C-alpha atoms as a PDB file:
ATOM      1  CA  MET A   1     -24.005 -18.445  13.127  1.00  0.00           C
ATOM      2  CA  ILE A   2     -21.788 -19.154  10.173  1.00  0.00           C
ATOM      3  CA  ASN A   3     -23.183 -22.154   8.159  1.00  0.00           C
ATOM      4  CA  LEU A   4     -20.503 -23.468   6.539  1.00  0.00           C
ATOM      5  CA  ALA A   5     -22.323 -25.876   4.442  1.00  0.00           C
ATOM      6  CA  ALA A   6     -23.865 -23.242   2.447  1.00  0.00           C
ATOM      7  CA  PHE A   7     -20.770 -21.813   1.110  1.00  0.00           C
ATOM      8  CA  GLY A   8     -20.752 -25.245  -0.862  1.00  0.00           C
ATOM      9  CA  PRO A   9     -17.600 -26.024  -2.792  1.00  0.00           C
ATOM     10  CA  LEU A  10     -16.161 -22.568  -2.736  1.00  0.00           C
ATOM     11  CA  LEU A  11     -15.596 -22.607   1.276  1.00  0.00           C
ATOM     12  CA  TRP A  12     -11.892 -23.635   0.379  1.00  0.00           C
ATOM     13  CA  PRO A  13     -10.950 -21.186  -2.040  1.00  0.00           C
ATOM     14  CA  LEU A  14     -12.449 -18.163  -0.043  1.00  0.00           C
ATOM     15  CA  ALA A  15     -10.924 -19.174   3.139  1.00  0.00           C
ATOM     16  CA  ILE A  16      -7.438 -19.642   1.612  1.00  0.00           C
ATOM     17  CA  CYS A  17      -8.197 -15.978  -0.060  1.00  0.00           C
ATOM     18  CA  SER A  18      -9.022 -14.185   3.247  1.00  0.00           C
ATOM     19  CA  LEU A  19      -6.296 -15.860   4.991  1.00  0.00           C
ATOM     20  CA  ILE A  20      -3.689 -14.653   2.062  1.00  0.00           C
ATOM     21  CA  ALA A  21      -5.283 -11.093   1.920  1.00  0.00           C
ATOM     22  CA  LEU A  22      -5.234 -10.973   6.026  1.00  0.00           C
ATOM     23  CA  ALA A  23      -1.670 -12.296   6.088  1.00  0.00           C
ATOM     24  CA  LEU A  24      -0.358  -9.515   3.339  1.00  0.00           C
ATOM     25  CA  VAL A  25      -2.342  -6.641   5.165  1.00  0.00           C
ATOM     26  CA  LEU A  26      -0.716  -7.093   8.368  1.00  0.00           C
ATOM     27  CA  GLU A  27       2.580  -7.880   6.495  1.00  0.00           C
ATOM     28  CA  ARG A  28       2.457  -4.521   4.620  1.00  0.00           C
ATOM     29  CA  LEU A  29       1.598  -2.460   7.889  1.00  0.00           C
ATOM     30  CA  TRP A  30       4.434  -3.933  10.012  1.00  0.00           C
ATOM     31  CA  VAL A  31       6.802  -2.781   7.178  1.00  0.00           C
ATOM     32  CA  PHE A  32       4.969   0.767   6.922  1.00  0.00           C
ATOM     33  CA  ILE A  33       4.946   1.511  10.469  1.00  0.00           C
ATOM     34  CA  GLY A  34       8.438   0.421  10.861  1.00  0.00           C
ATOM     35  CA  LEU A  35       9.507   3.588   7.835  1.00  0.00           C
ATOM     36  CA  GLN A  36      11.328   6.048   9.555  1.00  0.00           C
ATOM     37  CA  PRO A  37      10.049   9.409   9.937  1.00  0.00           C
ATOM     38  CA  VAL A  38       9.865  12.424   7.762  1.00  0.00           C
ATOM     39  CA  SER A  39       8.836  14.960   9.960  1.00  0.00           C
ATOM     40  CA  ALA A  40      10.090  18.693  10.082  1.00  0.00           C
ATOM     41  CA  LYS A  41      12.341  17.905  13.111  1.00  0.00           C
ATOM     42  CA  SER A  42      13.865  15.069  11.514  1.00  0.00           C
ATOM     43  CA  VAL A  43      14.340  17.041   8.030  1.00  0.00           C
ATOM     44  CA  ALA A  44      16.197  19.740   9.915  1.00  0.00           C
ATOM     45  CA  ALA A  45      18.499  17.589  11.233  1.00  0.00           C
ATOM     46  CA  ALA A  46      19.610  15.882   8.063  1.00  0.00           C
ATOM     47  CA  LEU A  47      19.722  19.398   6.066  1.00  0.00           C
ATOM     48  CA  SER A  48      22.097  20.297   9.235  1.00  0.00           C
ATOM     49  CA  GLN A  49      24.209  17.491   9.114  1.00  0.00           C
ATOM     50  CA  CYS A  50      24.608  18.299   4.625  1.00  0.00           C
ATOM     51  CA  ARG A  51      25.702  22.039   5.184  1.00  0.00           C
ATOM     52  CA  ASP A  52      27.950  20.463   7.739  1.00  0.00           C
ATOM     53  CA  CYS A  53      29.486  17.918   5.417  1.00  0.00           C
ATOM     54  CA  GLU A  54      29.750  20.846   2.685  1.00  0.00           C
ATOM     55  CA  GLN A  55      31.831  23.219   5.279  1.00  0.00           C
ATOM     56  CA  ASN A  56      33.773  20.691   7.310  1.00  0.00           C
ATOM     57  CA  GLY A  57      33.794  17.629   5.214  1.00  0.00           C
ATOM     58  CA  CYS A  58      32.060  15.550   7.631  1.00  0.00           C
ATOM     59  CA  GLN A  59      34.727  15.908  10.141  1.00  0.00           C
ATOM     60  CA  GLN A  60      31.476  15.820  13.040  1.00  0.00           C
ATOM     61  CA  ARG A  61      30.150  12.630  12.902  1.00  0.00           C
ATOM     62  CA  THR A  62      26.560  12.533  14.092  1.00  0.00           C
ATOM     63  CA  GLU A  63      24.227  10.117  13.679  1.00  0.00           C
ATOM     64  CA  VAL A  64      21.922  10.281  10.288  1.00  0.00           C
ATOM     65  CA  ALA A  65      18.341   9.505  11.031  1.00  0.00           C
ATOM     66  CA  HIS A  66      17.286   8.819   7.509  1.00  0.00           C
ATOM     67  CA  THR A  67      19.002   5.798   5.353  1.00  0.00           C
ATOM     68  CA  GLY A  68      18.541   7.923   2.113  1.00  0.00           C
ATOM     69  CA  VAL A  69      20.564  10.869   3.703  1.00  0.00           C
ATOM     70  CA  ALA A  70      23.230   8.593   4.897  1.00  0.00           C
ATOM     71  CA  LEU A  71      23.761   6.787   1.450  1.00  0.00           C
ATOM     72  CA  LEU A  72      23.587  10.527  -0.094  1.00  0.00           C
ATOM     73  CA  LEU A  73      26.292  11.749   2.270  1.00  0.00           C
ATOM     74  CA  GLN A  74      28.203   8.345   1.957  1.00  0.00           C
ATOM     75  CA  HIS A  75      28.558   9.382  -1.789  1.00  0.00           C
ATOM     76  CA  ARG A  76      28.996  13.180  -1.355  1.00  0.00           C
ATOM     77  CA  SER A  77      32.285  12.791  -3.291  1.00  0.00           C
ATOM     78  CA  LEU A  78      30.713  11.986  -6.501  1.00  0.00           C
ATOM     79  CA  SER A  79      29.569  14.393  -9.101  1.00  0.00           C
ATOM     80  CA  VAL A  80      26.072  15.574  -8.714  1.00  0.00           C
ATOM     81  CA  THR A  81      24.928  13.671 -11.555  1.00  0.00           C
ATOM     82  CA  GLN A  82      26.127  10.324 -10.265  1.00  0.00           C
ATOM     83  CA  ARG A  83      24.460  11.549  -6.819  1.00  0.00           C
ATOM     84  CA  GLU A  84      21.224  11.477  -8.757  1.00  0.00           C
ATOM     85  CA  GLU A  85      21.640   8.282 -10.544  1.00  0.00           C
ATOM     86  CA  VAL A  86      22.810   6.847  -6.904  1.00  0.00           C
ATOM     87  CA  MET A  87      19.432   8.188  -5.215  1.00  0.00           C
ATOM     88  CA  GLY A  88      17.409   7.195  -7.936  1.00  0.00           C
ATOM     89  CA  CYS A  89      18.853   3.938  -7.690  1.00  0.00           C
ATOM     90  CA  TRP A  90      18.031   3.903  -3.584  1.00  0.00           C
ATOM     91  CA  LEU A  91      14.487   5.586  -4.502  1.00  0.00           C
ATOM     92  CA  GLN A  92      13.560   2.974  -7.153  1.00  0.00           C
ATOM     93  CA  ALA A  93      14.572  -0.251  -4.474  1.00  0.00           C
ATOM     94  CA  GLU A  94      12.455   1.260  -1.823  1.00  0.00           C
ATOM     95  CA  GLN A  95       9.436   1.796  -3.946  1.00  0.00           C
ATOM     96  CA  HIS A  96       9.475  -1.698  -4.757  1.00  0.00           C
ATOM     97  CA  ARG A  97       9.940  -2.792  -1.300  1.00  0.00           C
ATOM     98  CA  LEU A  98       6.921  -0.727  -0.009  1.00  0.00           C
ATOM     99  CA  THR A  99       4.877  -1.626  -3.183  1.00  0.00           C
ATOM    100  CA  ARG A 100       5.988  -5.421  -3.094  1.00  0.00           C
ATOM    101  CA  HIS A 101       3.060  -7.773  -2.372  1.00  0.00           C
ATOM    102  CA  LEU A 102       0.106  -5.016  -3.182  1.00  0.00           C
ATOM    103  CA  ARG A 103      -0.743  -6.495  -6.617  1.00  0.00           C
ATOM    104  CA  LEU A 104      -1.910  -9.611  -5.625  1.00  0.00           C
ATOM    105  CA  LEU A 105      -3.656  -7.990  -2.586  1.00  0.00           C
ATOM    106  CA  GLN A 106      -5.587  -6.363  -5.234  1.00  0.00           C
ATOM    107  CA  LEU A 107      -5.885  -9.572  -7.244  1.00  0.00           C
ATOM    108  CA  ILE A 108      -7.636 -10.985  -4.279  1.00  0.00           C
ATOM    109  CA  GLY A 109     -10.043  -8.075  -3.903  1.00  0.00           C
ATOM    110  CA  VAL A 110     -11.089  -8.751  -7.696  1.00  0.00           C
ATOM    111  CA  LEU A 111     -11.200 -12.479  -7.228  1.00  0.00           C
ATOM    112  CA  ALA A 112     -12.828 -12.922  -3.989  1.00  0.00           C
ATOM    113  CA  PRO A 113     -16.579 -11.445  -5.012  1.00  0.00           C
ATOM    114  CA  MET A 114     -15.814 -13.394  -8.428  1.00  0.00           C
ATOM    115  CA  LEU A 115     -15.653 -16.303  -6.250  1.00  0.00           C
ATOM    116  CA  GLY A 116     -18.537 -15.520  -4.248  1.00  0.00           C
ATOM    117  CA  LEU A 117     -20.707 -14.653  -7.356  1.00  0.00           C
ATOM    118  CA  LEU A 118     -19.751 -18.466  -8.864  1.00  0.00           C
ATOM    119  CA  GLY A 119     -20.909 -20.015  -5.556  1.00  0.00           C
ATOM    120  CA  THR A 120     -23.917 -18.008  -5.965  1.00  0.00           C
ATOM    121  CA  VAL A 121     -24.948 -19.302  -9.331  1.00  0.00           C
ATOM    122  CA  LEU A 122     -24.206 -22.812  -8.067  1.00  0.00           C
ATOM    123  CA  GLY A 123     -26.540 -22.139  -5.205  1.00  0.00           C
ATOM    124  CA  LEU A 124     -28.946 -20.916  -7.304  1.00  0.00           C
ATOM    125  CA  VAL A 125     -28.671 -23.901  -9.743  1.00  0.00           C
ATOM    126  CA  ASN A 126     -28.851 -26.508  -6.933  1.00  0.00           C
ATOM    127  CA  MET A 127     -32.157 -24.615  -5.779  1.00  0.00           C
ATOM    128  CA  PHE A 128     -33.867 -24.911  -8.814  1.00  0.00           C
ATOM    129  CA  ALA A 129     -33.033 -28.466  -9.392  1.00  0.00           C
ATOM    130  CA  ASP A 130     -34.346 -29.392  -5.726  1.00  0.00           C
ATOM    131  CA  ILE A 131     -37.227 -27.726  -6.528  1.00  0.00           C
ATOM    132  CA  ALA A 132     -37.817 -29.142 -10.303  1.00  0.00           C
ATOM    133  CA  GLY A 133     -37.408 -32.682  -8.337  1.00  0.00           C
ATOM    134  CA  GLN A 134     -40.238 -32.090  -5.892  1.00  0.00           C
ATOM    135  CA  ASP A 135     -43.707 -32.795  -6.084  1.00  0.00           C
ATOM    136  CA  GLN A 136     -45.101 -30.511  -3.686  1.00  0.00           C
ATOM    137  CA  PRO A 137     -46.553 -26.680  -4.044  1.00  0.00           C
ATOM    138  CA  VAL A 138     -43.221 -24.355  -3.857  1.00  0.00           C
ATOM    139  CA  THR A 139     -43.775 -22.090  -0.871  1.00  0.00           C
ATOM    140  CA  PRO A 140     -41.874 -18.768  -0.277  1.00  0.00           C
ATOM    141  CA  ALA A 141     -40.277 -20.622   3.046  1.00  0.00           C
ATOM    142  CA  LEU A 142     -38.751 -22.816   0.559  1.00  0.00           C
ATOM    143  CA  LEU A 143     -37.462 -20.147  -1.722  1.00  0.00           C
ATOM    144  CA  ALA A 144     -36.295 -18.470   1.096  1.00  0.00           C
ATOM    145  CA  ASN A 145     -34.567 -20.734   2.798  1.00  0.00           C
ATOM    146  CA  GLY A 146     -32.479 -21.788  -0.937  1.00  0.00           C
ATOM    147  CA  LEU A 147     -32.007 -18.119  -1.614  1.00  0.00           C
ATOM    148  CA  TRP A 148     -30.048 -17.072   1.387  1.00  0.00           C
ATOM    149  CA  GLN A 149     -28.106 -20.270   1.281  1.00  0.00           C
ATOM    150  CA  ALA A 150     -27.242 -19.294  -2.084  1.00  0.00           C
ATOM    151  CA  LEU A 151     -26.137 -15.587  -1.697  1.00  0.00           C
ATOM    152  CA  TYR A 152     -24.113 -16.421   1.395  1.00  0.00           C
ATOM    153  CA  THR A 153     -20.832 -16.888  -0.775  1.00  0.00           C
ATOM    154  CA  THR A 154     -21.689 -13.120  -2.716  1.00  0.00           C
ATOM    155  CA  VAL A 155     -21.632 -11.577   0.878  1.00  0.00           C
ATOM    156  CA  TRP A 156     -18.570 -13.275   2.130  1.00  0.00           C
ATOM    157  CA  GLY A 157     -16.660 -12.602  -1.518  1.00  0.00           C
ATOM    158  CA  LEU A 158     -17.820  -9.288  -0.902  1.00  0.00           C
ATOM    159  CA  ALA A 159     -16.451  -9.062   2.708  1.00  0.00           C
ATOM    160  CA  ILE A 160     -13.015 -10.516   1.894  1.00  0.00           C
ATOM    161  CA  SER A 161     -12.972  -7.894  -1.546  1.00  0.00           C
ATOM    162  CA  ILE A 162     -13.815  -4.722   0.176  1.00  0.00           C
ATOM    163  CA  PRO A 163     -11.010  -4.510   3.076  1.00  0.00           C
ATOM    164  CA  ALA A 164      -8.656  -6.180   0.301  1.00  0.00           C
ATOM    165  CA  LEU A 165      -9.002  -3.414  -2.536  1.00  0.00           C
ATOM    166  CA  ALA A 166      -9.313  -0.550   0.298  1.00  0.00           C
ATOM    167  CA  ALA A 167      -6.037  -2.065   1.736  1.00  0.00           C
ATOM    168  CA  GLY A 168      -4.245  -2.225  -1.573  1.00  0.00           C
ATOM    169  CA  GLN A 169      -4.953   1.305  -2.831  1.00  0.00           C
ATOM    170  CA  GLY A 170      -4.295   2.755   0.814  1.00  0.00           C
ATOM    171  CA  PHE A 171      -1.069   1.244   1.131  1.00  0.00           C
ATOM    172  CA  ALA A 172      -0.376   2.481  -2.537  1.00  0.00           C
ATOM    173  CA  LEU A 173      -1.025   6.279  -1.752  1.00  0.00           C
ATOM    174  CA  TRP A 174       0.862   5.865   1.399  1.00  0.00           C
ATOM    175  CA  ALA A 175       3.891   4.702  -0.312  1.00  0.00           C
ATOM    176  CA  GLU A 176       3.633   7.467  -2.494  1.00  0.00           C
ATOM    177  CA  TYR A 177       2.984   9.686   0.020  1.00  0.00           C
ATOM    178  CA  TYR A 178       5.983   8.448   1.693  1.00  0.00           C
ATOM    179  CA  LEU A 179       8.883   8.442  -1.103  1.00  0.00           C
ATOM    180  CA  ASN A 180       7.505  11.913  -2.456  1.00  0.00           C
ATOM    181  CA  ALA A 181       8.490  13.519   1.290  1.00  0.00           C
ATOM    182  CA  VAL A 182      12.082  11.589   0.876  1.00  0.00           C
ATOM    183  CA  GLU A 183      12.672  12.597  -2.467  1.00  0.00           C
ATOM    184  CA  ARG A 184      12.224  16.394  -1.363  1.00  0.00           C
ATOM    185  CA  VAL A 185      14.554  15.779   1.616  1.00  0.00           C
ATOM    186  CA  LEU A 186      17.076  14.416  -0.888  1.00  0.00           C
ATOM    187  CA  ASN A 187      16.935  17.232  -3.012  1.00  0.00           C
ATOM    188  CA  ARG A 188      17.209  19.624  -0.268  1.00  0.00           C
ATOM    189  CA  CYS A 189      20.163  17.805   1.115  1.00  0.00           C
ATOM    190  CA  GLN A 190      21.580  17.899  -2.890  1.00  0.00           C
ATOM    191  CA  LEU A 191      21.048  21.501  -2.620  1.00  0.00           C
ATOM    192  CA  ALA A 192      22.797  21.810   0.628  1.00  0.00           C
ATOM    193  CA  LEU A 193      25.933  19.655  -0.427  1.00  0.00           C
ATOM    194  CA  ALA A 194      26.339  22.071  -3.472  1.00  0.00           C
ATOM    195  CA  GLY A 195      26.600  24.992  -0.989  1.00  0.00           C
ATOM    196  CA  LEU A 196      23.350  26.713  -1.815  1.00  0.00           C
ATOM    197  CA  ASP A 197      20.688  27.871   0.526  1.00  0.00           C
ATOM    198  CA  THR A 198      18.025  25.538   0.647  1.00  0.00           C
ATOM    199  CA  GLU A 199      15.315  28.095   2.200  1.00  0.00           C
ATOM    200  CA  ALA A 200      15.395  30.632  -0.326  1.00  0.00           C
ATOM    201  CA  VAL A 201      15.470  28.196  -3.206  1.00  0.00           C
ATOM    202  CA  THR A 202      12.713  26.267  -1.768  1.00  0.00           C
ATOM    203  CA  LYS A 203      10.697  29.553  -0.823  1.00  0.00           C
ATOM    204  CA  PRO A 204       8.445  30.603  -4.318  1.00  0.00           C
ATOM    205  CA  SER A 205       9.990  34.090  -5.476  1.00  0.00           C
ATOM    206  CA  ILE A 206       7.132  35.359  -7.593  1.00  0.00           C
ATOM    207  CA  ARG A 207       4.990  37.682  -6.058  1.00  0.00           C
ATOM    208  CA  TRP A 208       1.710  39.108  -7.101  1.00  0.00           C
ATOM    209  CA  VAL A 209       1.327  42.900  -7.595  1.00  0.00           C
ATOM    210  CA  THR A 210      -2.343  44.237  -7.044  1.00  0.00           C
ATOM    211  CA  SER A 211      -3.084  47.933  -8.367  1.00  0.00           C
END
């Protein structure tokens, strides 16, 4: 059973940190779950659409699954350099959208154990002050009771910090992996719009010769 009195003055700061961290994790999870998939099937469909646009001028309208590919096809009349600038701006906007609030989540992960440690220090100060004011002999039971109450805030600070830091780093890696995959798809679509064979370009051309 949680003893709220053991938190002392750090009860509300730790409670606010835990609520904010939980809200941020759920909000980011909702955003990442809603990402458009970059599977082999979707990549093949995007490349087919880009080749069709290069050959037939996008006369056959088919639905493009990914927003980035749709934006690329929308600006297909621009030069290669201009299309790259448009895609670069879009990727930066996507990176900002995916990594939003992650620094705040990591800040909470760093701040929570510090608050817990502060609560522990304050608890130890109060414990020794109570012991100094007693005329009776100090027993191990009295010390143990004061110590476990003092360490309560450190435990809860770490309980907030570990999931917050893990979620922050995990979402950052997820965003990096996703954006790299999208960038590879857009690069291959750029080649398809230029009339190049994307399969031949992406395959390694160097072969090791063994004697």
